[in-house]
Amino acid sequence: MSTIERGASRQRRLSASTVAALALGALLVLLAVLNGQSVTIHWIVTTTSAPLIVVIAGCGLIGFAVGWLLARRRARGRAR
């Protein structure tokens, strides 16, 4: 495989991952907007009430952060 072909392949993979990320983000926004009711959150020590949109957005952000940290760790492991 030539260098040009590898570069094009890498761009396609990046493009596909970008499209997938955008689709998942759009799905997350859709779920959050359609679920506006208030829910009870049971923490270890206490219980609180919050709109479901906040819970969904918070879980999405936590999932994004975990995925980003794992990707950085994997990339750092390959560099060594």
PDB file of N, CA and C in Angstrom:
ATOM      1  N   MET A   1       0.856  -1.165   0.000  1.00  0.00           N
ATOM      2  CA  MET A   1       0.000   0.000   0.000  1.00  0.00           C
ATOM      3  C   MET A   1       0.905   1.233   0.000  1.00  0.00           C
ATOM      4  N   SER A   2       0.645   2.173  -0.880  1.00  0.00           N
ATOM      5  CA  SER A   2       1.477   3.360  -0.977  1.00  0.00           C
ATOM      6  C   SER A   2       1.151   4.345   0.139  1.00  0.00           C
ATOM      7  N   THR A   3       2.020   5.326   0.308  1.00  0.00           N
ATOM      8  CA  THR A   3       1.821   6.334   1.339  1.00  0.00           C
ATOM      9  C   THR A   3       0.539   7.122   1.099  1.00  0.00           C
ATOM     10  N   ILE A   4       0.258   7.412  -0.156  1.00  0.00           N
ATOM     11  CA  ILE A   4      -0.958   8.159  -0.489  1.00  0.00           C
ATOM     12  C   ILE A   4      -2.190   7.348  -0.123  1.00  0.00           C
ATOM     13  N   GLU A   5      -2.169   6.050  -0.420  1.00  0.00           N
ATOM     14  CA  GLU A   5      -3.314   5.192  -0.088  1.00  0.00           C
ATOM     15  C   GLU A   5      -3.500   5.107   1.418  1.00  0.00           C
ATOM     16  N   ARG A   6      -2.384   5.007   2.173  1.00  0.00           N
ATOM     17  CA  ARG A   6      -2.495   4.953   3.631  1.00  0.00           C
ATOM     18  C   ARG A   6      -3.076   6.244   4.179  1.00  0.00           C
ATOM     19  N   GLY A   7      -2.654   7.371   3.623  1.00  0.00           N
ATOM     20  CA  GLY A   7      -3.183   8.660   4.064  1.00  0.00           C
ATOM     21  C   GLY A   7      -4.660   8.789   3.791  1.00  0.00           C
ATOM     22  N   ALA A   8      -5.082   8.359   2.615  1.00  0.00           N
ATOM     23  CA  ALA A   8      -6.505   8.409   2.264  1.00  0.00           C
ATOM     24  C   ALA A   8      -7.303   7.482   3.171  1.00  0.00           C
ATOM     25  N   SER A   9      -6.760   6.322   3.465  1.00  0.00           N
ATOM     26  CA  SER A   9      -7.443   5.382   4.339  1.00  0.00           C
ATOM     27  C   SER A   9      -7.588   5.970   5.741  1.00  0.00           C
ATOM     28  N   ARG A  10      -6.549   6.628   6.219  1.00  0.00           N
ATOM     29  CA  ARG A  10      -6.596   7.239   7.544  1.00  0.00           C
ATOM     30  C   ARG A  10      -7.646   8.343   7.580  1.00  0.00           C
ATOM     31  N   GLN A  11      -7.744   9.134   6.513  1.00  0.00           N
ATOM     32  CA  GLN A  11      -8.745  10.187   6.458  1.00  0.00           C
ATOM     33  C   GLN A  11     -10.151   9.604   6.445  1.00  0.00           C
ATOM     34  N   ARG A  12     -10.357   8.514   5.754  1.00  0.00           N
ATOM     35  CA  ARG A  12     -11.673   7.867   5.749  1.00  0.00           C
ATOM     36  C   ARG A  12     -12.031   7.355   7.130  1.00  0.00           C
ATOM     37  N   ARG A  13     -11.066   6.751   7.823  1.00  0.00           N
ATOM     38  CA  ARG A  13     -11.340   6.271   9.178  1.00  0.00           C
ATOM     39  C   ARG A  13     -11.678   7.430  10.094  1.00  0.00           C
ATOM     40  N   LEU A  14     -10.936   8.521   9.992  1.00  0.00           N
ATOM     41  CA  LEU A  14     -11.199   9.687  10.814  1.00  0.00           C
ATOM     42  C   LEU A  14     -12.578  10.244  10.488  1.00  0.00           C
ATOM     43  N   SER A  15     -12.894  10.295   9.230  1.00  0.00           N
ATOM     44  CA  SER A  15     -14.194  10.796   8.814  1.00  0.00           C
ATOM     45  C   SER A  15     -15.313   9.900   9.351  1.00  0.00           C
ATOM     46  N   ALA A  16     -15.131   8.611   9.285  1.00  0.00           N
ATOM     47  CA  ALA A  16     -16.147   7.685   9.794  1.00  0.00           C
ATOM     48  C   ALA A  16     -16.302   7.835  11.304  1.00  0.00           C
ATOM     49  N   SER A  17     -15.208   7.994  12.020  1.00  0.00           N
ATOM     50  CA  SER A  17     -15.306   8.154  13.471  1.00  0.00           C
ATOM     51  C   SER A  17     -15.947   9.497  13.816  1.00  0.00           C
ATOM     52  N   THR A  18     -15.683  10.504  13.019  1.00  0.00           N
ATOM     53  CA  THR A  18     -16.307  11.808  13.246  1.00  0.00           C
ATOM     54  C   THR A  18     -17.806  11.721  13.020  1.00  0.00           C
ATOM     55  N   VAL A  19     -18.205  11.047  11.965  1.00  0.00           N
ATOM     56  CA  VAL A  19     -19.633  10.872  11.682  1.00  0.00           C
ATOM     57  C   VAL A  19     -20.292  10.081  12.807  1.00  0.00           C
ATOM     58  N   ALA A  20     -19.642   9.045  13.280  1.00  0.00           N
ATOM     59  CA  ALA A  20     -20.195   8.244  14.374  1.00  0.00           C
ATOM     60  C   ALA A  20     -20.339   9.079  15.644  1.00  0.00           C
ATOM     61  N   ALA A  21     -19.336   9.891  15.944  1.00  0.00           N
ATOM     62  CA  ALA A  21     -19.401  10.742  17.131  1.00  0.00           C
ATOM     63  C   ALA A  21     -20.530  11.760  17.017  1.00  0.00           C
ATOM     64  N   LEU A  22     -20.690  12.335  15.833  1.00  0.00           N
ATOM     65  CA  LEU A  22     -21.779  13.294  15.624  1.00  0.00           C
ATOM     66  C   LEU A  22     -23.142  12.617  15.748  1.00  0.00           C
ATOM     67  N   ALA A  23     -23.264  11.410  15.219  1.00  0.00           N
ATOM     68  CA  ALA A  23     -24.536  10.684  15.311  1.00  0.00           C
ATOM     69  C   ALA A  23     -24.866  10.353  16.769  1.00  0.00           C
ATOM     70  N   LEU A  24     -23.874   9.915  17.520  1.00  0.00           N
ATOM     71  CA  LEU A  24     -24.106   9.618  18.939  1.00  0.00           C
ATOM     72  C   LEU A  24     -24.441  10.883  19.719  1.00  0.00           C
ATOM     73  N   GLY A  25     -23.778  11.979  19.385  1.00  0.00           N
ATOM     74  CA  GLY A  25     -24.079  13.249  20.039  1.00  0.00           C
ATOM     75  C   GLY A  25     -25.500  13.707  19.746  1.00  0.00           C
ATOM     76  N   ALA A  26     -25.911  13.566  18.493  1.00  0.00           N
ATOM     77  CA  ALA A  26     -27.277  13.945  18.108  1.00  0.00           C
ATOM     78  C   ALA A  26     -28.300  13.068  18.836  1.00  0.00           C
ATOM     79  N   LEU A  27     -28.006  11.785  18.960  1.00  0.00           N
ATOM     80  CA  LEU A  27     -28.900  10.883  19.680  1.00  0.00           C
ATOM     81  C   LEU A  27     -28.998  11.280  21.150  1.00  0.00           C
ATOM     82  N   LEU A  28     -27.866  11.644  21.744  1.00  0.00           N
ATOM     83  CA  LEU A  28     -27.849  12.076  23.137  1.00  0.00           C
ATOM     84  C   LEU A  28     -28.699  13.330  23.326  1.00  0.00           C
ATOM     85  N   VAL A  29     -28.554  14.292  22.422  1.00  0.00           N
ATOM     86  CA  VAL A  29     -29.352  15.526  22.497  1.00  0.00           C
ATOM     87  C   VAL A  29     -30.832  15.210  22.332  1.00  0.00           C
ATOM     88  N   LEU A  30     -31.172  14.352  21.383  1.00  0.00           N
ATOM     89  CA  LEU A  30     -32.564  13.972  21.164  1.00  0.00           C
ATOM     90  C   LEU A  30     -33.161  13.312  22.409  1.00  0.00           C
ATOM     91  N   LEU A  31     -32.428  12.391  23.001  1.00  0.00           N
ATOM     92  CA  LEU A  31     -32.910  11.730  24.220  1.00  0.00           C
ATOM     93  C   LEU A  31     -33.104  12.726  25.351  1.00  0.00           C
ATOM     94  N   ALA A  32     -32.171  13.650  25.487  1.00  0.00           N
ATOM     95  CA  ALA A  32     -32.262  14.632  26.563  1.00  0.00           C
ATOM     96  C   ALA A  32     -33.465  15.546  26.373  1.00  0.00           C
ATOM     97  N   VAL A  33     -33.696  15.996  25.154  1.00  0.00           N
ATOM     98  CA  VAL A  33     -34.806  16.911  24.892  1.00  0.00           C
ATOM     99  C   VAL A  33     -36.152  16.217  25.065  1.00  0.00           C
ATOM    100  N   LEU A  34     -36.241  14.971  24.677  1.00  0.00           N
ATOM    101  CA  LEU A  34     -37.521  14.248  24.765  1.00  0.00           C
ATOM    102  C   LEU A  34     -37.844  13.782  26.178  1.00  0.00           C
ATOM    103  N   ASN A  35     -36.852  13.801  27.082  1.00  0.00           N
ATOM    104  CA  ASN A  35     -37.059  13.325  28.447  1.00  0.00           C
ATOM    105  C   ASN A  35     -36.839  14.466  29.429  1.00  0.00           C
ATOM    106  N   GLY A  36     -37.830  15.345  29.551  1.00  0.00           N
ATOM    107  CA  GLY A  36     -37.694  16.531  30.376  1.00  0.00           C
ATOM    108  C   GLY A  36     -38.237  16.391  31.792  1.00  0.00           C
ATOM    109  N   GLN A  37     -38.822  15.274  32.145  1.00  0.00           N
ATOM    110  CA  GLN A  37     -39.414  15.134  33.473  1.00  0.00           C
ATOM    111  C   GLN A  37     -38.342  15.077  34.561  1.00  0.00           C
ATOM    112  N   SER A  38     -38.754  15.296  35.778  1.00  0.00           N
ATOM    113  CA  SER A  38     -37.846  15.273  36.922  1.00  0.00           C
ATOM    114  C   SER A  38     -37.709  13.844  37.440  1.00  0.00           C
ATOM    115  N   VAL A  39     -36.493  13.493  37.838  1.00  0.00           N
ATOM    116  CA  VAL A  39     -36.236  12.146  38.357  1.00  0.00           C
ATOM    117  C   VAL A  39     -35.529  12.242  39.703  1.00  0.00           C
ATOM    118  N   THR A  40     -35.641  11.180  40.482  1.00  0.00           N
ATOM    119  CA  THR A  40     -34.968  11.099  41.772  1.00  0.00           C
ATOM    120  C   THR A  40     -33.640  10.380  41.584  1.00  0.00           C
ATOM    121  N   ILE A  41     -32.578  10.964  42.121  1.00  0.00           N
ATOM    122  CA  ILE A  41     -31.243  10.376  42.033  1.00  0.00           C
ATOM    123  C   ILE A  41     -30.841   9.917  43.431  1.00  0.00           C
ATOM    124  N   HIS A  42     -30.539   8.645  43.567  1.00  0.00           N
ATOM    125  CA  HIS A  42     -30.138   8.088  44.853  1.00  0.00           C
ATOM    126  C   HIS A  42     -28.612   8.029  44.913  1.00  0.00           C
ATOM    127  N   TRP A  43     -28.022   8.942  45.665  1.00  0.00           N
ATOM    128  CA  TRP A  43     -26.579   8.937  45.880  1.00  0.00           C
ATOM    129  C   TRP A  43     -26.282   7.978  47.024  1.00  0.00           C
ATOM    130  N   ILE A  44     -25.054   7.804  47.358  1.00  0.00           N
ATOM    131  CA  ILE A  44     -24.694   6.874  48.441  1.00  0.00           C
ATOM    132  C   ILE A  44     -25.239   7.364  49.775  1.00  0.00           C
ATOM    133  N   VAL A  45     -25.164   8.668  50.016  1.00  0.00           N
ATOM    134  CA  VAL A  45     -25.529   9.218  51.308  1.00  0.00           C
ATOM    135  C   VAL A  45     -26.894   9.904  51.291  1.00  0.00           C
ATOM    136  N   THR A  46     -27.275  10.481  50.173  1.00  0.00           N
ATOM    137  CA  THR A  46     -28.485  11.294  50.119  1.00  0.00           C
ATOM    138  C   THR A  46     -29.273  11.023  48.836  1.00  0.00           C
ATOM    139  N   THR A  47     -30.410  11.649  48.739  1.00  0.00           N
ATOM    140  CA  THR A  47     -31.263  11.541  47.555  1.00  0.00           C
ATOM    141  C   THR A  47     -31.601  12.956  47.079  1.00  0.00           C
ATOM    142  N   THR A  48     -31.505  13.173  45.764  1.00  0.00           N
ATOM    143  CA  THR A  48     -31.845  14.473  45.198  1.00  0.00           C
ATOM    144  C   THR A  48     -32.781  14.285  44.011  1.00  0.00           C
ATOM    145  N   SER A  49     -33.374  15.384  43.585  1.00  0.00           N
ATOM    146  CA  SER A  49     -34.244  15.373  42.419  1.00  0.00           C
ATOM    147  C   SER A  49     -33.652  16.317  41.386  1.00  0.00           C
ATOM    148  N   ALA A  50     -33.645  15.896  40.120  1.00  0.00           N
ATOM    149  CA  ALA A  50     -33.091  16.716  39.041  1.00  0.00           C
ATOM    150  C   ALA A  50     -33.830  16.398  37.748  1.00  0.00           C
ATOM    151  N   PRO A  51     -33.834  17.344  36.815  1.00  0.00           N
ATOM    152  CA  PRO A  51     -34.438  17.058  35.506  1.00  0.00           C
ATOM    153  C   PRO A  51     -33.660  15.944  34.794  1.00  0.00           C
ATOM    154  N   LEU A  52     -34.367  15.087  34.111  1.00  0.00           N
ATOM    155  CA  LEU A  52     -33.732  13.964  33.420  1.00  0.00           C
ATOM    156  C   LEU A  52     -32.728  14.443  32.374  1.00  0.00           C
ATOM    157  N   ILE A  53     -32.970  15.621  31.788  1.00  0.00           N
ATOM    158  CA  ILE A  53     -32.040  16.156  30.799  1.00  0.00           C
ATOM    159  C   ILE A  53     -30.662  16.371  31.417  1.00  0.00           C
ATOM    160  N   VAL A  54     -30.609  16.798  32.679  1.00  0.00           N
ATOM    161  CA  VAL A  54     -29.340  17.010  33.375  1.00  0.00           C
ATOM    162  C   VAL A  54     -28.649  15.674  33.628  1.00  0.00           C
ATOM    163  N   VAL A  55     -29.421  14.669  34.011  1.00  0.00           N
ATOM    164  CA  VAL A  55     -28.858  13.342  34.264  1.00  0.00           C
ATOM    165  C   VAL A  55     -28.286  12.747  32.975  1.00  0.00           C
ATOM    166  N   ILE A  56     -29.018  12.836  31.878  1.00  0.00           N
ATOM    167  CA  ILE A  56     -28.557  12.296  30.598  1.00  0.00           C
ATOM    168  C   ILE A  56     -27.309  13.032  30.133  1.00  0.00           C
ATOM    169  N   ALA A  57     -27.324  14.362  30.211  1.00  0.00           N
ATOM    170  CA  ALA A  57     -26.163  15.148  29.790  1.00  0.00           C
ATOM    171  C   ALA A  57     -24.950  14.830  30.663  1.00  0.00           C
ATOM    172  N   GLY A  58     -25.164  14.701  31.954  1.00  0.00           N
ATOM    173  CA  GLY A  58     -24.062  14.364  32.863  1.00  0.00           C
ATOM    174  C   GLY A  58     -23.463  12.998  32.552  1.00  0.00           C
ATOM    175  N   CYS A  59     -24.316  12.019  32.311  1.00  0.00           N
ATOM    176  CA  CYS A  59     -23.831  10.681  31.964  1.00  0.00           C
ATOM    177  C   CYS A  59     -23.092  10.698  30.626  1.00  0.00           C
ATOM    178  N   GLY A  60     -23.593  11.475  29.676  1.00  0.00           N
ATOM    179  CA  GLY A  60     -22.914  11.609  28.384  1.00  0.00           C
ATOM    180  C   GLY A  60     -21.535  12.216  28.542  1.00  0.00           C
ATOM    181  N   LEU A  61     -21.426  13.259  29.358  1.00  0.00           N
ATOM    182  CA  LEU A  61     -20.127  13.895  29.593  1.00  0.00           C
ATOM    183  C   LEU A  61     -19.156  12.956  30.309  1.00  0.00           C
ATOM    184  N   ILE A  62     -19.656  12.203  31.268  1.00  0.00           N
ATOM    185  CA  ILE A  62     -18.804  11.237  31.961  1.00  0.00           C
ATOM    186  C   ILE A  62     -18.319  10.159  30.986  1.00  0.00           C
ATOM    187  N   GLY A  63     -19.209   9.664  30.139  1.00  0.00           N
ATOM    188  CA  GLY A  63     -18.822   8.665  29.140  1.00  0.00           C
ATOM    189  C   GLY A  63     -17.795   9.203  28.164  1.00  0.00           C
ATOM    190  N   PHE A  64     -17.983  10.462  27.717  1.00  0.00           N
ATOM    191  CA  PHE A  64     -17.021  11.092  26.822  1.00  0.00           C
ATOM    192  C   PHE A  64     -15.662  11.216  27.489  1.00  0.00           C
ATOM    193  N   ALA A  65     -15.643  11.652  28.743  1.00  0.00           N
ATOM    194  CA  ALA A  65     -14.377  11.831  29.462  1.00  0.00           C
ATOM    195  C   ALA A  65     -13.645  10.504  29.641  1.00  0.00           C
ATOM    196  N   VAL A  66     -14.369   9.456  29.996  1.00  0.00           N
ATOM    197  CA  VAL A  66     -13.746   8.143  30.169  1.00  0.00           C
ATOM    198  C   VAL A  66     -13.177   7.638  28.846  1.00  0.00           C
ATOM    199  N   GLY A  67     -13.934   7.768  27.770  1.00  0.00           N
ATOM    200  CA  GLY A  67     -13.448   7.348  26.459  1.00  0.00           C
ATOM    201  C   GLY A  67     -12.230   8.128  26.019  1.00  0.00           C
ATOM    202  N   TRP A  68     -12.238   9.434  26.249  1.00  0.00           N
ATOM    203  CA  TRP A  68     -11.106  10.289  25.886  1.00  0.00           C
ATOM    204  C   TRP A  68      -9.861   9.910  26.683  1.00  0.00           C
ATOM    205  N   LEU A  69     -10.032   9.674  27.989  1.00  0.00           N
ATOM    206  CA  LEU A  69      -8.888   9.290  28.817  1.00  0.00           C
ATOM    207  C   LEU A  69      -8.333   7.926  28.404  1.00  0.00           C
ATOM    208  N   LEU A  70      -9.198   6.979  28.088  1.00  0.00           N
ATOM    209  CA  LEU A  70      -8.729   5.667  27.650  1.00  0.00           C
ATOM    210  C   LEU A  70      -8.016   5.751  26.305  1.00  0.00           C
ATOM    211  N   ALA A  71      -8.505   6.587  25.403  1.00  0.00           N
ATOM    212  CA  ALA A  71      -7.846   6.763  24.106  1.00  0.00           C
ATOM    213  C   ALA A  71      -6.469   7.388  24.285  1.00  0.00           C
ATOM    214  N   ARG A  72      -6.350   8.370  25.169  1.00  0.00           N
ATOM    215  CA  ARG A  72      -5.036   8.976  25.442  1.00  0.00           C
ATOM    216  C   ARG A  72      -4.082   7.946  26.029  1.00  0.00           C
ATOM    217  N   ARG A  73      -4.596   7.123  26.945  1.00  0.00           N
ATOM    218  CA  ARG A  73      -3.738   6.116  27.566  1.00  0.00           C
ATOM    219  C   ARG A  73      -3.254   5.095  26.532  1.00  0.00           C
ATOM    220  N   ARG A  74      -4.148   4.682  25.635  1.00  0.00           N
ATOM    221  CA  ARG A  74      -3.781   3.739  24.592  1.00  0.00           C
ATOM    222  C   ARG A  74      -2.741   4.345  23.644  1.00  0.00           C
ATOM    223  N   ALA A  75      -2.952   5.601  23.269  1.00  0.00           N
ATOM    224  CA  ALA A  75      -2.017   6.283  22.369  1.00  0.00           C
ATOM    225  C   ALA A  75      -0.646   6.446  23.045  1.00  0.00           C
ATOM    226  N   ARG A  76      -0.620   6.737  24.317  1.00  0.00           N
ATOM    227  CA  ARG A  76       0.636   6.874  25.046  1.00  0.00           C
ATOM    228  C   ARG A  76       1.346   5.507  25.123  1.00  0.00           C
ATOM    229  N   GLY A  77       0.584   4.430  25.269  1.00  0.00           N
ATOM    230  CA  GLY A  77       1.166   3.088  25.335  1.00  0.00           C
ATOM    231  C   GLY A  77       1.785   2.681  24.001  1.00  0.00           C
ATOM    232  N   ARG A  78       1.172   3.094  22.903  1.00  0.00           N
ATOM    233  CA  ARG A  78       1.726   2.781  21.568  1.00  0.00           C
ATOM    234  C   ARG A  78       2.992   3.571  21.292  1.00  0.00           C
ATOM    235  N   ALA A  79       3.082   4.777  21.846  1.00  0.00           N
ATOM    236  CA  ALA A  79       4.239   5.633  21.585  1.00  0.00           C
ATOM    237  C   ALA A  79       5.502   5.091  22.256  1.00  0.00           C
ATOM    238  N   ARG A  80       5.354   4.311  23.275  1.00  0.00           N
ATOM    239  CA  ARG A  80       6.522   3.779  23.999  1.00  0.00           C
ATOM    240  C   ARG A  80       7.118   2.611  23.305  1.00  0.00           C
TER     241      ARG A  80
END
